[in-house]
Amino acid sequence: MYRYLQFRMARYAGQMEYRQGSRPLRADAARNVEKIITAARECFHEKGPNVPLQLIAETAQVGPATLFRNFADKEALVLAVISRQLRLHVDPAVSRALSEADAGAALMHVIESIVQVAAEESALLDALVGRRGVLTTISGNIIEALGVLLGRAQHQGTVRTDVSEEDVIRIIAMLIGSVDTIEHGTNAWKRPVALMEDALRPVAAVRPLPAQTAVPGVELPVG
């Protein structure tokens, strides 16, 4: 199983196959989709969540009809961008994790890579009505690898034996949600990730946590 997953990750890391229904898109159509996704990421980061789709089409140098033929609405486009970023940045992390001797640390590295993408793409997340759709962008390969790493880590005694794969998915969902409470462009996401990782360990952690940061827009009482 481990070798199979490593082969799949090595083969598909950093690659995308665009499809329309069950058929792969023609090369020119796939290039247009890639241009739209690239333009969307650029526009959301520069203009914010309310950027018009017309501007994204113009930036991609395609017609509005081409954009809407491939993406039904803004949310579908946002999720496509996030899916690509996960493929580019998380798939390689999964490949490395599957070859690590310490499966517990490897599992944490994959979780961190997913949350880092969410934090770096917070401008895109702001355009979504909810966060549940983000979970659908996490590929089956990544989900499968998380399960493999969890089982290995529990066998090694580095992760609690009562933690399930469902728990891991819910923890990732909570961490993605925590991105709303951090300043854009900072590493403040590392603290909640560290807290969650420590909760997965079989014994209480003694490492110092990453530095505390303020929650934007929230004033807490002193003392």
N, C-alpha and C. Protein backbone atom coordinates (compact mmCIF):
# COMPACT_ATOMS: atom_id res chain seq x y z
N MET A 1 0.83 -1.21 0.00
CA MET A 1 0.00 0.00 0.00
C MET A 1 0.87 1.26 0.00
N TYR A 2 1.91 1.29 0.84
CA TYR A 2 2.74 2.48 0.92
C TYR A 2 3.42 2.76 -0.42
N ARG A 3 3.97 1.68 -1.04
CA ARG A 3 4.65 1.87 -2.32
C ARG A 3 3.67 2.32 -3.40
N TYR A 4 2.45 1.77 -3.36
CA TYR A 4 1.43 2.17 -4.32
C TYR A 4 1.12 3.66 -4.20
N LEU A 5 0.95 4.12 -2.95
CA LEU A 5 0.64 5.53 -2.74
C LEU A 5 1.81 6.42 -3.15
N GLN A 6 3.03 5.99 -2.84
CA GLN A 6 4.19 6.77 -3.24
C GLN A 6 4.25 6.89 -4.76
N PHE A 7 3.94 5.81 -5.46
CA PHE A 7 3.94 5.85 -6.92
C PHE A 7 2.90 6.84 -7.42
N ARG A 8 1.69 6.79 -6.83
CA ARG A 8 0.63 7.69 -7.27
C ARG A 8 1.00 9.14 -7.01
N MET A 9 1.59 9.41 -5.84
CA MET A 9 1.96 10.79 -5.52
C MET A 9 3.05 11.29 -6.45
N ALA A 10 4.06 10.45 -6.71
CA ALA A 10 5.15 10.86 -7.59
C ALA A 10 4.65 11.11 -9.00
N ARG A 11 3.66 10.35 -9.41
CA ARG A 11 3.16 10.48 -10.78
C ARG A 11 2.30 11.72 -10.96
N TYR A 12 1.49 12.02 -9.94
CA TYR A 12 0.51 13.09 -10.12
C TYR A 12 0.86 14.39 -9.44
N ALA A 13 1.89 14.42 -8.58
CA ALA A 13 2.23 15.67 -7.89
C ALA A 13 2.53 16.75 -8.90
N GLY A 14 1.89 17.91 -8.71
CA GLY A 14 2.14 19.05 -9.58
C GLY A 14 1.48 18.96 -10.93
N GLN A 15 0.63 17.94 -11.18
CA GLN A 15 -0.03 17.81 -12.47
C GLN A 15 -1.53 17.93 -12.28
N MET A 16 -2.23 18.39 -13.33
CA MET A 16 -3.68 18.43 -13.30
C MET A 16 -4.22 17.89 -14.60
N GLU A 17 -5.31 17.15 -14.53
CA GLU A 17 -5.99 16.70 -15.74
C GLU A 17 -7.38 17.30 -15.71
N TYR A 18 -7.65 18.20 -16.62
CA TYR A 18 -8.93 18.87 -16.64
C TYR A 18 -9.93 18.03 -17.41
N ARG A 19 -11.15 17.95 -16.87
CA ARG A 19 -12.18 17.14 -17.49
C ARG A 19 -13.47 17.93 -17.62
N GLN A 20 -14.26 17.53 -18.59
CA GLN A 20 -15.59 18.06 -18.76
C GLN A 20 -16.51 16.85 -18.76
N GLY A 21 -17.25 16.66 -17.65
CA GLY A 21 -17.97 15.41 -17.49
C GLY A 21 -16.98 14.30 -17.24
N SER A 22 -17.06 13.23 -18.03
CA SER A 22 -16.16 12.10 -17.85
C SER A 22 -15.01 12.10 -18.84
N ARG A 23 -14.96 13.10 -19.74
CA ARG A 23 -13.94 13.11 -20.78
C ARG A 23 -12.89 14.19 -20.50
N PRO A 24 -11.61 13.88 -20.71
CA PRO A 24 -10.58 14.91 -20.57
C PRO A 24 -10.82 16.03 -21.59
N LEU A 25 -10.48 17.27 -21.19
CA LEU A 25 -10.63 18.40 -22.09
C LEU A 25 -9.56 18.36 -23.18
N ARG A 26 -9.88 18.96 -24.33
CA ARG A 26 -8.88 19.14 -25.37
C ARG A 26 -7.75 20.00 -24.83
N ALA A 27 -6.59 19.91 -25.47
CA ALA A 27 -5.42 20.64 -24.98
C ALA A 27 -5.68 22.14 -24.92
N ASP A 28 -6.31 22.71 -25.94
CA ASP A 28 -6.55 24.16 -25.94
C ASP A 28 -7.56 24.55 -24.87
N ALA A 29 -8.57 23.70 -24.66
CA ALA A 29 -9.55 23.98 -23.61
C ALA A 29 -8.92 23.88 -22.23
N ALA A 30 -8.04 22.89 -22.04
CA ALA A 30 -7.34 22.75 -20.76
C ALA A 30 -6.45 23.95 -20.49
N ARG A 31 -5.81 24.48 -21.55
CA ARG A 31 -4.98 25.67 -21.37
C ARG A 31 -5.83 26.87 -20.95
N ASN A 32 -7.02 26.98 -21.51
CA ASN A 32 -7.90 28.08 -21.12
C ASN A 32 -8.31 27.96 -19.66
N VAL A 33 -8.60 26.75 -19.22
CA VAL A 33 -8.97 26.53 -17.83
C VAL A 33 -7.81 26.93 -16.92
N GLU A 34 -6.60 26.53 -17.29
CA GLU A 34 -5.43 26.88 -16.49
C GLU A 34 -5.23 28.39 -16.44
N LYS A 35 -5.44 29.06 -17.57
CA LYS A 35 -5.32 30.53 -17.61
C LYS A 35 -6.36 31.19 -16.71
N ILE A 36 -7.57 30.66 -16.72
CA ILE A 36 -8.64 31.22 -15.89
C ILE A 36 -8.31 31.04 -14.41
N ILE A 37 -7.85 29.85 -14.04
CA ILE A 37 -7.51 29.59 -12.63
C ILE A 37 -6.37 30.49 -12.17
N THR A 38 -5.36 30.65 -13.01
CA THR A 38 -4.22 31.51 -12.66
C THR A 38 -4.68 32.96 -12.51
N ALA A 39 -5.51 33.42 -13.44
CA ALA A 39 -6.01 34.79 -13.38
C ALA A 39 -6.90 34.99 -12.16
N ALA A 40 -7.71 33.99 -11.83
CA ALA A 40 -8.60 34.11 -10.68
C ALA A 40 -7.80 34.27 -9.40
N ARG A 41 -6.77 33.48 -9.22
CA ARG A 41 -5.95 33.59 -8.01
C ARG A 41 -5.32 34.98 -7.92
N GLU A 42 -4.80 35.46 -9.04
CA GLU A 42 -4.20 36.78 -9.06
C GLU A 42 -5.22 37.86 -8.71
N CYS A 43 -6.40 37.78 -9.30
CA CYS A 43 -7.42 38.81 -9.08
C CYS A 43 -7.96 38.79 -7.66
N PHE A 44 -8.21 37.60 -7.12
CA PHE A 44 -8.71 37.53 -5.75
C PHE A 44 -7.70 38.08 -4.76
N HIS A 45 -6.42 37.81 -4.99
CA HIS A 45 -5.40 38.32 -4.08
C HIS A 45 -5.24 39.82 -4.20
N GLU A 46 -5.40 40.36 -5.40
CA GLU A 46 -5.19 41.79 -5.61
C GLU A 46 -6.45 42.62 -5.34
N LYS A 47 -7.63 42.08 -5.69
CA LYS A 47 -8.87 42.86 -5.64
C LYS A 47 -9.81 42.47 -4.52
N GLY A 48 -9.58 41.31 -3.91
CA GLY A 48 -10.46 40.89 -2.83
C GLY A 48 -11.58 39.98 -3.29
N PRO A 49 -12.45 39.55 -2.35
CA PRO A 49 -13.46 38.52 -2.64
C PRO A 49 -14.56 38.97 -3.60
N ASN A 50 -14.74 40.27 -3.78
CA ASN A 50 -15.83 40.76 -4.62
C ASN A 50 -15.40 41.07 -6.05
N VAL A 51 -14.25 40.58 -6.45
CA VAL A 51 -13.77 40.83 -7.81
C VAL A 51 -14.77 40.27 -8.82
N PRO A 52 -15.15 41.04 -9.84
CA PRO A 52 -16.11 40.54 -10.82
C PRO A 52 -15.51 39.45 -11.71
N LEU A 53 -16.33 38.49 -12.08
CA LEU A 53 -15.86 37.42 -12.96
C LEU A 53 -15.45 37.96 -14.32
N GLN A 54 -16.07 39.06 -14.73
CA GLN A 54 -15.70 39.68 -16.01
C GLN A 54 -14.23 40.10 -16.00
N LEU A 55 -13.77 40.65 -14.88
CA LEU A 55 -12.38 41.06 -14.77
C LEU A 55 -11.46 39.83 -14.81
N ILE A 56 -11.87 38.74 -14.19
CA ILE A 56 -11.06 37.52 -14.22
C ILE A 56 -10.94 37.02 -15.65
N ALA A 57 -12.05 37.05 -16.41
CA ALA A 57 -12.01 36.62 -17.81
C ALA A 57 -11.08 37.51 -18.62
N GLU A 58 -11.15 38.81 -18.39
CA GLU A 58 -10.28 39.74 -19.12
C GLU A 58 -8.82 39.50 -18.77
N THR A 59 -8.54 39.26 -17.50
CA THR A 59 -7.16 39.01 -17.08
C THR A 59 -6.64 37.71 -17.70
N ALA A 60 -7.50 36.73 -17.82
CA ALA A 60 -7.12 35.45 -18.42
C ALA A 60 -7.07 35.51 -19.94
N GLN A 61 -7.58 36.63 -20.49
CA GLN A 61 -7.65 36.81 -21.94
C GLN A 61 -8.51 35.74 -22.60
N VAL A 62 -9.67 35.50 -21.97
CA VAL A 62 -10.68 34.62 -22.55
C VAL A 62 -12.02 35.35 -22.47
N GLY A 63 -12.98 34.89 -23.24
CA GLY A 63 -14.30 35.47 -23.20
C GLY A 63 -15.09 34.99 -22.00
N PRO A 64 -16.08 35.79 -21.55
CA PRO A 64 -16.93 35.35 -20.42
C PRO A 64 -17.59 34.01 -20.67
N ALA A 65 -17.95 33.72 -21.92
CA ALA A 65 -18.60 32.45 -22.22
C ALA A 65 -17.66 31.28 -21.92
N THR A 66 -16.38 31.46 -22.20
CA THR A 66 -15.40 30.40 -21.91
C THR A 66 -15.29 30.17 -20.41
N LEU A 67 -15.30 31.26 -19.65
CA LEU A 67 -15.22 31.13 -18.20
C LEU A 67 -16.44 30.38 -17.67
N PHE A 68 -17.65 30.80 -18.08
CA PHE A 68 -18.86 30.18 -17.53
C PHE A 68 -19.10 28.78 -18.08
N ARG A 69 -18.51 28.46 -19.21
CA ARG A 69 -18.63 27.09 -19.73
C ARG A 69 -17.89 26.11 -18.82
N ASN A 70 -16.85 26.59 -18.16
CA ASN A 70 -16.03 25.73 -17.30
C ASN A 70 -16.33 25.88 -15.82
N PHE A 71 -16.86 27.03 -15.42
CA PHE A 71 -17.14 27.29 -14.00
C PHE A 71 -18.52 27.93 -13.88
N ALA A 72 -19.41 27.24 -13.18
CA ALA A 72 -20.80 27.69 -13.10
C ALA A 72 -20.95 29.01 -12.35
N ASP A 73 -20.09 29.23 -11.37
CA ASP A 73 -20.18 30.46 -10.57
C ASP A 73 -18.84 30.73 -9.91
N LYS A 74 -18.81 31.80 -9.11
CA LYS A 74 -17.57 32.20 -8.45
C LYS A 74 -17.07 31.14 -7.49
N GLU A 75 -17.99 30.51 -6.76
CA GLU A 75 -17.56 29.50 -5.78
C GLU A 75 -16.87 28.33 -6.47
N ALA A 76 -17.41 27.88 -7.61
CA ALA A 76 -16.78 26.78 -8.34
C ALA A 76 -15.38 27.16 -8.78
N LEU A 77 -15.20 28.41 -9.18
CA LEU A 77 -13.89 28.87 -9.61
C LEU A 77 -12.92 28.94 -8.43
N VAL A 78 -13.40 29.45 -7.30
CA VAL A 78 -12.55 29.52 -6.11
C VAL A 78 -12.09 28.12 -5.69
N LEU A 79 -13.01 27.18 -5.67
CA LEU A 79 -12.66 25.82 -5.27
C LEU A 79 -11.67 25.19 -6.24
N ALA A 80 -11.78 25.54 -7.53
CA ALA A 80 -10.82 25.03 -8.51
C ALA A 80 -9.42 25.58 -8.24
N VAL A 81 -9.35 26.85 -7.86
CA VAL A 81 -8.05 27.44 -7.55
C VAL A 81 -7.45 26.76 -6.32
N ILE A 82 -8.25 26.58 -5.28
CA ILE A 82 -7.76 25.94 -4.06
C ILE A 82 -7.32 24.51 -4.35
N SER A 83 -8.09 23.81 -5.19
CA SER A 83 -7.74 22.44 -5.55
C SER A 83 -6.37 22.40 -6.23
N ARG A 84 -6.12 23.36 -7.11
CA ARG A 84 -4.82 23.37 -7.77
C ARG A 84 -3.70 23.64 -6.78
N GLN A 85 -3.92 24.58 -5.86
CA GLN A 85 -2.88 24.89 -4.87
C GLN A 85 -2.60 23.71 -3.96
N LEU A 86 -3.65 22.97 -3.61
CA LEU A 86 -3.44 21.76 -2.81
C LEU A 86 -2.63 20.74 -3.59
N ARG A 87 -2.94 20.60 -4.87
CA ARG A 87 -2.20 19.63 -5.68
C ARG A 87 -0.74 20.03 -5.80
N LEU A 88 -0.49 21.32 -5.98
CA LEU A 88 0.88 21.79 -6.16
C LEU A 88 1.72 21.70 -4.89
N HIS A 89 1.08 21.95 -3.74
CA HIS A 89 1.85 22.08 -2.51
C HIS A 89 1.66 20.93 -1.52
N VAL A 90 0.50 20.29 -1.54
CA VAL A 90 0.25 19.21 -0.57
C VAL A 90 0.66 17.86 -1.14
N ASP A 91 0.41 17.61 -2.41
CA ASP A 91 0.81 16.32 -2.99
C ASP A 91 2.31 16.04 -2.79
N PRO A 92 3.20 17.00 -3.05
CA PRO A 92 4.62 16.73 -2.78
C PRO A 92 4.90 16.47 -1.30
N ALA A 93 4.17 17.18 -0.42
CA ALA A 93 4.35 16.94 1.02
C ALA A 93 3.91 15.52 1.38
N VAL A 94 2.86 15.03 0.74
CA VAL A 94 2.41 13.66 0.97
C VAL A 94 3.47 12.66 0.50
N SER A 95 4.05 12.92 -0.66
CA SER A 95 5.10 12.02 -1.17
C SER A 95 6.25 11.91 -0.18
N ARG A 96 6.67 13.07 0.37
CA ARG A 96 7.76 13.05 1.35
C ARG A 96 7.34 12.33 2.62
N ALA A 97 6.09 12.60 3.05
CA ALA A 97 5.62 12.04 4.31
C ALA A 97 5.57 10.52 4.27
N LEU A 98 5.18 9.95 3.14
CA LEU A 98 5.06 8.50 3.04
C LEU A 98 6.40 7.79 3.13
N SER A 99 7.48 8.52 2.92
CA SER A 99 8.81 7.91 3.01
C SER A 99 9.50 8.21 4.34
N GLU A 100 8.86 9.00 5.22
CA GLU A 100 9.46 9.33 6.51
C GLU A 100 9.34 8.14 7.47
N ALA A 101 10.36 7.97 8.30
CA ALA A 101 10.34 6.87 9.27
C ALA A 101 9.36 7.15 10.41
N ASP A 102 9.27 8.41 10.84
CA ASP A 102 8.37 8.79 11.93
C ASP A 102 7.01 9.16 11.34
N ALA A 103 6.07 8.23 11.38
CA ALA A 103 4.77 8.46 10.74
C ALA A 103 3.97 9.54 11.45
N GLY A 104 4.16 9.68 12.77
CA GLY A 104 3.45 10.73 13.50
C GLY A 104 3.86 12.10 13.02
N ALA A 105 5.17 12.32 12.93
CA ALA A 105 5.66 13.60 12.43
C ALA A 105 5.23 13.80 10.98
N ALA A 106 5.23 12.72 10.19
CA ALA A 106 4.83 12.82 8.79
C ALA A 106 3.37 13.24 8.66
N LEU A 107 2.51 12.66 9.50
CA LEU A 107 1.09 13.03 9.49
C LEU A 107 0.93 14.51 9.80
N MET A 108 1.67 15.00 10.79
CA MET A 108 1.59 16.41 11.15
C MET A 108 2.06 17.29 9.99
N HIS A 109 3.08 16.86 9.28
CA HIS A 109 3.59 17.65 8.16
C HIS A 109 2.53 17.80 7.07
N VAL A 110 1.77 16.75 6.82
CA VAL A 110 0.71 16.83 5.81
C VAL A 110 -0.39 17.77 6.27
N ILE A 111 -0.80 17.64 7.54
CA ILE A 111 -1.82 18.54 8.08
C ILE A 111 -1.36 19.99 7.96
N GLU A 112 -0.10 20.24 8.34
CA GLU A 112 0.44 21.59 8.26
C GLU A 112 0.42 22.12 6.83
N SER A 113 0.75 21.28 5.87
CA SER A 113 0.80 21.74 4.48
C SER A 113 -0.59 22.12 3.98
N ILE A 114 -1.62 21.38 4.41
CA ILE A 114 -2.99 21.71 4.02
C ILE A 114 -3.41 23.05 4.61
N VAL A 115 -3.14 23.24 5.90
CA VAL A 115 -3.55 24.48 6.56
C VAL A 115 -2.75 25.66 6.03
N GLN A 116 -1.49 25.44 5.70
CA GLN A 116 -0.69 26.52 5.12
C GLN A 116 -1.28 27.00 3.80
N VAL A 117 -1.73 26.06 2.97
CA VAL A 117 -2.38 26.47 1.72
C VAL A 117 -3.62 27.29 2.02
N ALA A 118 -4.43 26.84 2.99
CA ALA A 118 -5.63 27.59 3.34
C ALA A 118 -5.29 28.99 3.82
N ALA A 119 -4.23 29.11 4.64
CA ALA A 119 -3.84 30.42 5.14
C ALA A 119 -3.33 31.32 4.02
N GLU A 120 -2.54 30.77 3.13
CA GLU A 120 -1.99 31.56 2.03
C GLU A 120 -3.05 31.94 1.01
N GLU A 121 -4.12 31.16 0.96
CA GLU A 121 -5.21 31.46 0.03
C GLU A 121 -6.42 32.04 0.76
N SER A 122 -6.19 32.72 1.88
CA SER A 122 -7.30 33.27 2.66
C SER A 122 -8.11 34.28 1.87
N ALA A 123 -7.48 34.96 0.91
CA ALA A 123 -8.23 35.89 0.06
C ALA A 123 -9.27 35.16 -0.77
N LEU A 124 -8.97 33.91 -1.13
CA LEU A 124 -9.93 33.09 -1.86
C LEU A 124 -11.01 32.57 -0.93
N LEU A 125 -10.63 32.15 0.27
CA LEU A 125 -11.62 31.63 1.22
C LEU A 125 -12.65 32.69 1.57
N ASP A 126 -12.25 33.96 1.55
CA ASP A 126 -13.18 35.04 1.86
C ASP A 126 -14.31 35.12 0.84
N ALA A 127 -14.10 34.55 -0.34
CA ALA A 127 -15.13 34.61 -1.39
C ALA A 127 -16.13 33.46 -1.27
N LEU A 128 -15.90 32.53 -0.34
CA LEU A 128 -16.79 31.39 -0.17
C LEU A 128 -17.84 31.69 0.89
N VAL A 129 -19.05 31.19 0.66
CA VAL A 129 -20.12 31.35 1.65
C VAL A 129 -19.82 30.52 2.88
N GLY A 130 -19.33 29.30 2.68
CA GLY A 130 -18.99 28.40 3.78
C GLY A 130 -17.66 27.73 3.50
N ARG A 131 -17.18 26.98 4.47
CA ARG A 131 -15.88 26.32 4.33
C ARG A 131 -16.01 24.84 3.97
N ARG A 132 -17.23 24.28 4.07
CA ARG A 132 -17.37 22.85 3.86
C ARG A 132 -16.91 22.43 2.47
N GLY A 133 -17.16 23.29 1.48
CA GLY A 133 -16.76 22.95 0.12
C GLY A 133 -15.27 22.77 -0.04
N VAL A 134 -14.48 23.40 0.83
CA VAL A 134 -13.03 23.28 0.72
C VAL A 134 -12.60 21.83 0.91
N LEU A 135 -13.30 21.10 1.78
CA LEU A 135 -12.94 19.71 2.03
C LEU A 135 -13.08 18.87 0.76
N THR A 136 -14.02 19.24 -0.11
CA THR A 136 -14.22 18.46 -1.34
C THR A 136 -13.05 18.64 -2.30
N THR A 137 -12.23 19.66 -2.09
CA THR A 137 -11.08 19.89 -2.97
C THR A 137 -9.87 19.05 -2.56
N ILE A 138 -9.94 18.43 -1.39
CA ILE A 138 -8.84 17.58 -0.94
C ILE A 138 -8.97 16.23 -1.62
N SER A 139 -8.02 15.88 -2.46
CA SER A 139 -8.14 14.71 -3.31
C SER A 139 -8.18 13.41 -2.52
N GLY A 140 -8.73 12.38 -3.18
CA GLY A 140 -8.78 11.07 -2.56
C GLY A 140 -7.40 10.53 -2.23
N ASN A 141 -6.41 10.88 -3.03
CA ASN A 141 -5.04 10.43 -2.74
C ASN A 141 -4.56 10.97 -1.40
N ILE A 142 -4.86 12.25 -1.14
CA ILE A 142 -4.44 12.87 0.13
C ILE A 142 -5.19 12.23 1.29
N ILE A 143 -6.51 12.04 1.13
CA ILE A 143 -7.31 11.42 2.19
C ILE A 143 -6.78 10.02 2.49
N GLU A 144 -6.51 9.27 1.43
CA GLU A 144 -6.00 7.90 1.60
C GLU A 144 -4.65 7.91 2.33
N ALA A 145 -3.79 8.85 1.95
CA ALA A 145 -2.47 8.94 2.59
C ALA A 145 -2.60 9.31 4.06
N LEU A 146 -3.53 10.20 4.40
CA LEU A 146 -3.74 10.56 5.80
C LEU A 146 -4.12 9.32 6.61
N GLY A 147 -4.97 8.47 6.04
CA GLY A 147 -5.35 7.25 6.73
C GLY A 147 -4.18 6.30 6.92
N VAL A 148 -3.35 6.16 5.88
CA VAL A 148 -2.17 5.30 5.98
C VAL A 148 -1.22 5.81 7.05
N LEU A 149 -0.96 7.11 7.04
CA LEU A 149 -0.03 7.70 8.01
C LEU A 149 -0.58 7.58 9.43
N LEU A 150 -1.89 7.78 9.58
CA LEU A 150 -2.51 7.65 10.90
C LEU A 150 -2.32 6.23 11.43
N GLY A 151 -2.60 5.22 10.60
CA GLY A 151 -2.44 3.83 11.03
C GLY A 151 -1.01 3.51 11.40
N ARG A 152 -0.07 3.97 10.60
CA ARG A 152 1.34 3.73 10.89
C ARG A 152 1.75 4.40 12.20
N ALA A 153 1.31 5.65 12.39
CA ALA A 153 1.68 6.40 13.59
C ALA A 153 1.10 5.74 14.84
N GLN A 154 -0.13 5.26 14.75
CA GLN A 154 -0.73 4.58 15.90
C GLN A 154 0.01 3.28 16.20
N HIS A 155 0.44 2.59 15.16
CA HIS A 155 1.22 1.37 15.36
C HIS A 155 2.56 1.67 16.03
N GLN A 156 3.14 2.82 15.68
CA GLN A 156 4.42 3.23 16.27
C GLN A 156 4.25 3.82 17.66
N GLY A 157 3.02 4.13 18.04
CA GLY A 157 2.77 4.71 19.35
C GLY A 157 2.99 6.21 19.43
N THR A 158 2.98 6.91 18.27
CA THR A 158 3.23 8.36 18.27
C THR A 158 1.96 9.18 18.10
N VAL A 159 0.81 8.50 17.90
CA VAL A 159 -0.49 9.16 17.84
C VAL A 159 -1.47 8.33 18.66
N ARG A 160 -2.40 8.99 19.32
CA ARG A 160 -3.40 8.31 20.15
C ARG A 160 -4.12 7.22 19.36
N THR A 161 -4.32 6.07 20.00
CA THR A 161 -4.95 4.95 19.29
C THR A 161 -6.46 5.13 19.13
N ASP A 162 -7.07 6.09 19.86
CA ASP A 162 -8.51 6.28 19.75
C ASP A 162 -8.89 7.34 18.72
N VAL A 163 -7.90 7.85 17.99
CA VAL A 163 -8.16 8.85 16.95
C VAL A 163 -8.54 8.12 15.66
N SER A 164 -9.63 8.56 15.03
CA SER A 164 -10.09 7.95 13.79
C SER A 164 -9.75 8.85 12.60
N GLU A 165 -9.89 8.29 11.39
CA GLU A 165 -9.69 9.10 10.19
C GLU A 165 -10.69 10.24 10.13
N GLU A 166 -11.93 9.98 10.60
CA GLU A 166 -12.93 11.04 10.64
C GLU A 166 -12.49 12.18 11.55
N ASP A 167 -11.86 11.82 12.68
CA ASP A 167 -11.35 12.85 13.59
C ASP A 167 -10.33 13.73 12.88
N VAL A 168 -9.44 13.11 12.13
CA VAL A 168 -8.40 13.87 11.43
C VAL A 168 -9.02 14.83 10.42
N ILE A 169 -10.02 14.37 9.67
CA ILE A 169 -10.68 15.24 8.70
C ILE A 169 -11.36 16.41 9.40
N ARG A 170 -12.03 16.14 10.51
CA ARG A 170 -12.70 17.22 11.24
C ARG A 170 -11.70 18.21 11.83
N ILE A 171 -10.56 17.70 12.30
CA ILE A 171 -9.52 18.58 12.81
C ILE A 171 -9.01 19.50 11.71
N ILE A 172 -8.79 18.94 10.52
CA ILE A 172 -8.34 19.75 9.39
C ILE A 172 -9.40 20.80 9.06
N ALA A 173 -10.68 20.41 9.09
CA ALA A 173 -11.75 21.37 8.81
C ALA A 173 -11.75 22.51 9.83
N MET A 174 -11.55 22.17 11.10
CA MET A 174 -11.51 23.20 12.14
C MET A 174 -10.33 24.15 11.92
N LEU A 175 -9.20 23.58 11.55
CA LEU A 175 -8.01 24.41 11.34
C LEU A 175 -8.19 25.32 10.13
N ILE A 176 -8.83 24.82 9.09
CA ILE A 176 -9.13 25.68 7.94
C ILE A 176 -10.04 26.83 8.37
N GLY A 177 -11.02 26.51 9.23
CA GLY A 177 -11.90 27.56 9.75
C GLY A 177 -11.17 28.59 10.58
N SER A 178 -10.10 28.18 11.26
CA SER A 178 -9.36 29.12 12.11
C SER A 178 -8.64 30.19 11.30
N VAL A 179 -8.49 29.95 10.00
CA VAL A 179 -7.82 30.94 9.15
C VAL A 179 -8.55 32.29 9.21
N ASP A 180 -9.87 32.25 9.45
CA ASP A 180 -10.65 33.49 9.56
C ASP A 180 -10.17 34.38 10.70
N THR A 181 -9.47 33.80 11.67
CA THR A 181 -9.11 34.54 12.88
C THR A 181 -7.67 35.02 12.88
N ILE A 182 -6.97 34.89 11.76
CA ILE A 182 -5.57 35.32 11.71
C ILE A 182 -5.39 36.42 10.67
N GLU A 183 -4.36 37.20 10.86
CA GLU A 183 -4.04 38.25 9.89
C GLU A 183 -3.52 37.62 8.61
N HIS A 184 -3.99 38.14 7.47
CA HIS A 184 -3.51 37.64 6.19
C HIS A 184 -2.00 37.85 6.08
N GLY A 185 -1.35 36.88 5.49
CA GLY A 185 0.08 37.01 5.22
C GLY A 185 0.98 36.75 6.40
N THR A 186 0.43 36.20 7.50
CA THR A 186 1.26 35.90 8.67
C THR A 186 1.33 34.39 8.88
N ASN A 187 2.18 33.99 9.81
CA ASN A 187 2.30 32.57 10.17
C ASN A 187 1.52 32.24 11.44
N ALA A 188 0.52 33.06 11.76
CA ALA A 188 -0.25 32.85 12.99
C ALA A 188 -1.00 31.53 12.98
N TRP A 189 -1.20 30.93 11.80
CA TRP A 189 -1.89 29.63 11.70
C TRP A 189 -1.11 28.52 12.39
N LYS A 190 0.18 28.73 12.60
CA LYS A 190 1.00 27.66 13.17
C LYS A 190 0.64 27.35 14.62
N ARG A 191 0.14 28.33 15.36
CA ARG A 191 -0.19 28.08 16.77
C ARG A 191 -1.40 27.14 16.93
N PRO A 192 -2.55 27.43 16.28
CA PRO A 192 -3.64 26.45 16.41
C PRO A 192 -3.28 25.08 15.85
N VAL A 193 -2.45 25.04 14.80
CA VAL A 193 -2.01 23.75 14.28
C VAL A 193 -1.21 23.01 15.34
N ALA A 194 -0.31 23.70 16.01
CA ALA A 194 0.50 23.06 17.06
C ALA A 194 -0.38 22.53 18.19
N LEU A 195 -1.39 23.30 18.58
CA LEU A 195 -2.30 22.86 19.64
C LEU A 195 -3.04 21.59 19.24
N MET A 196 -3.53 21.56 18.00
CA MET A 196 -4.24 20.38 17.52
C MET A 196 -3.31 19.17 17.42
N GLU A 197 -2.09 19.41 16.92
CA GLU A 197 -1.13 18.31 16.80
C GLU A 197 -0.81 17.72 18.18
N ASP A 198 -0.64 18.58 19.16
CA ASP A 198 -0.34 18.10 20.51
C ASP A 198 -1.50 17.26 21.05
N ALA A 199 -2.74 17.63 20.68
CA ALA A 199 -3.90 16.87 21.15
C ALA A 199 -3.94 15.47 20.55
N LEU A 200 -3.29 15.29 19.39
CA LEU A 200 -3.26 13.97 18.76
C LEU A 200 -2.22 13.04 19.38
N ARG A 201 -1.29 13.60 20.11
CA ARG A 201 -0.21 12.79 20.68
C ARG A 201 -0.71 11.99 21.88
N PRO A 202 -0.09 10.84 22.16
CA PRO A 202 -0.56 10.00 23.27
C PRO A 202 -0.19 10.54 24.65
N VAL A 203 0.79 11.43 24.72
CA VAL A 203 1.18 12.04 26.00
C VAL A 203 1.17 13.55 25.83
N ALA A 204 1.04 14.26 26.95
CA ALA A 204 1.00 15.71 26.91
C ALA A 204 2.31 16.27 26.35
N ALA A 205 2.19 17.27 25.51
CA ALA A 205 3.37 17.87 24.88
C ALA A 205 4.03 18.86 25.83
N VAL A 206 5.35 18.98 25.69
CA VAL A 206 6.08 19.93 26.53
C VAL A 206 6.76 21.01 25.69
N ARG A 207 6.62 20.96 24.38
CA ARG A 207 7.28 21.95 23.53
C ARG A 207 6.61 23.31 23.68
N PRO A 208 7.35 24.41 23.54
CA PRO A 208 6.73 25.73 23.58
C PRO A 208 5.90 25.94 22.32
N LEU A 209 4.77 26.62 22.47
CA LEU A 209 3.90 26.91 21.33
C LEU A 209 4.46 28.08 20.53
N PRO A 210 4.12 28.16 19.23
CA PRO A 210 4.46 29.37 18.47
C PRO A 210 3.85 30.60 19.12
N ALA A 211 4.38 31.76 18.82
CA ALA A 211 3.97 33.01 19.47
C ALA A 211 2.47 33.26 19.31
N GLN A 212 1.86 33.82 20.36
CA GLN A 212 0.46 34.19 20.32
C GLN A 212 0.28 35.45 19.49
N THR A 213 -0.85 35.56 18.79
CA THR A 213 -1.18 36.76 18.01
C THR A 213 -2.60 37.17 18.32
N ALA A 214 -2.92 38.43 18.06
CA ALA A 214 -4.26 38.94 18.31
C ALA A 214 -5.24 38.38 17.27
N VAL A 215 -6.52 38.29 17.68
CA VAL A 215 -7.57 37.91 16.75
C VAL A 215 -8.10 39.20 16.11
N PRO A 216 -7.96 39.35 14.79
CA PRO A 216 -8.38 40.59 14.15
C PRO A 216 -9.84 40.93 14.44
N GLY A 217 -10.08 42.17 14.87
CA GLY A 217 -11.43 42.65 15.11
C GLY A 217 -12.03 42.25 16.44
N VAL A 218 -11.28 41.55 17.28
CA VAL A 218 -11.80 41.10 18.57
C VAL A 218 -10.93 41.66 19.69
N GLU A 219 -11.55 42.38 20.62
CA GLU A 219 -10.84 42.91 21.79
C GLU A 219 -11.15 42.04 22.99
N LEU A 220 -10.12 41.43 23.54
CA LEU A 220 -10.30 40.56 24.70
C LEU A 220 -10.01 41.32 25.98
N PRO A 221 -10.74 41.03 27.08
CA PRO A 221 -10.48 41.72 28.34
C PRO A 221 -9.09 41.37 28.87
N VAL A 222 -8.46 42.32 29.51
CA VAL A 222 -7.13 42.10 30.07
C VAL A 222 -7.27 41.40 31.40
N GLY A 223 -6.39 40.39 31.64
CA GLY A 223 -6.41 39.70 32.90
C GLY A 223 -7.38 38.55 32.96
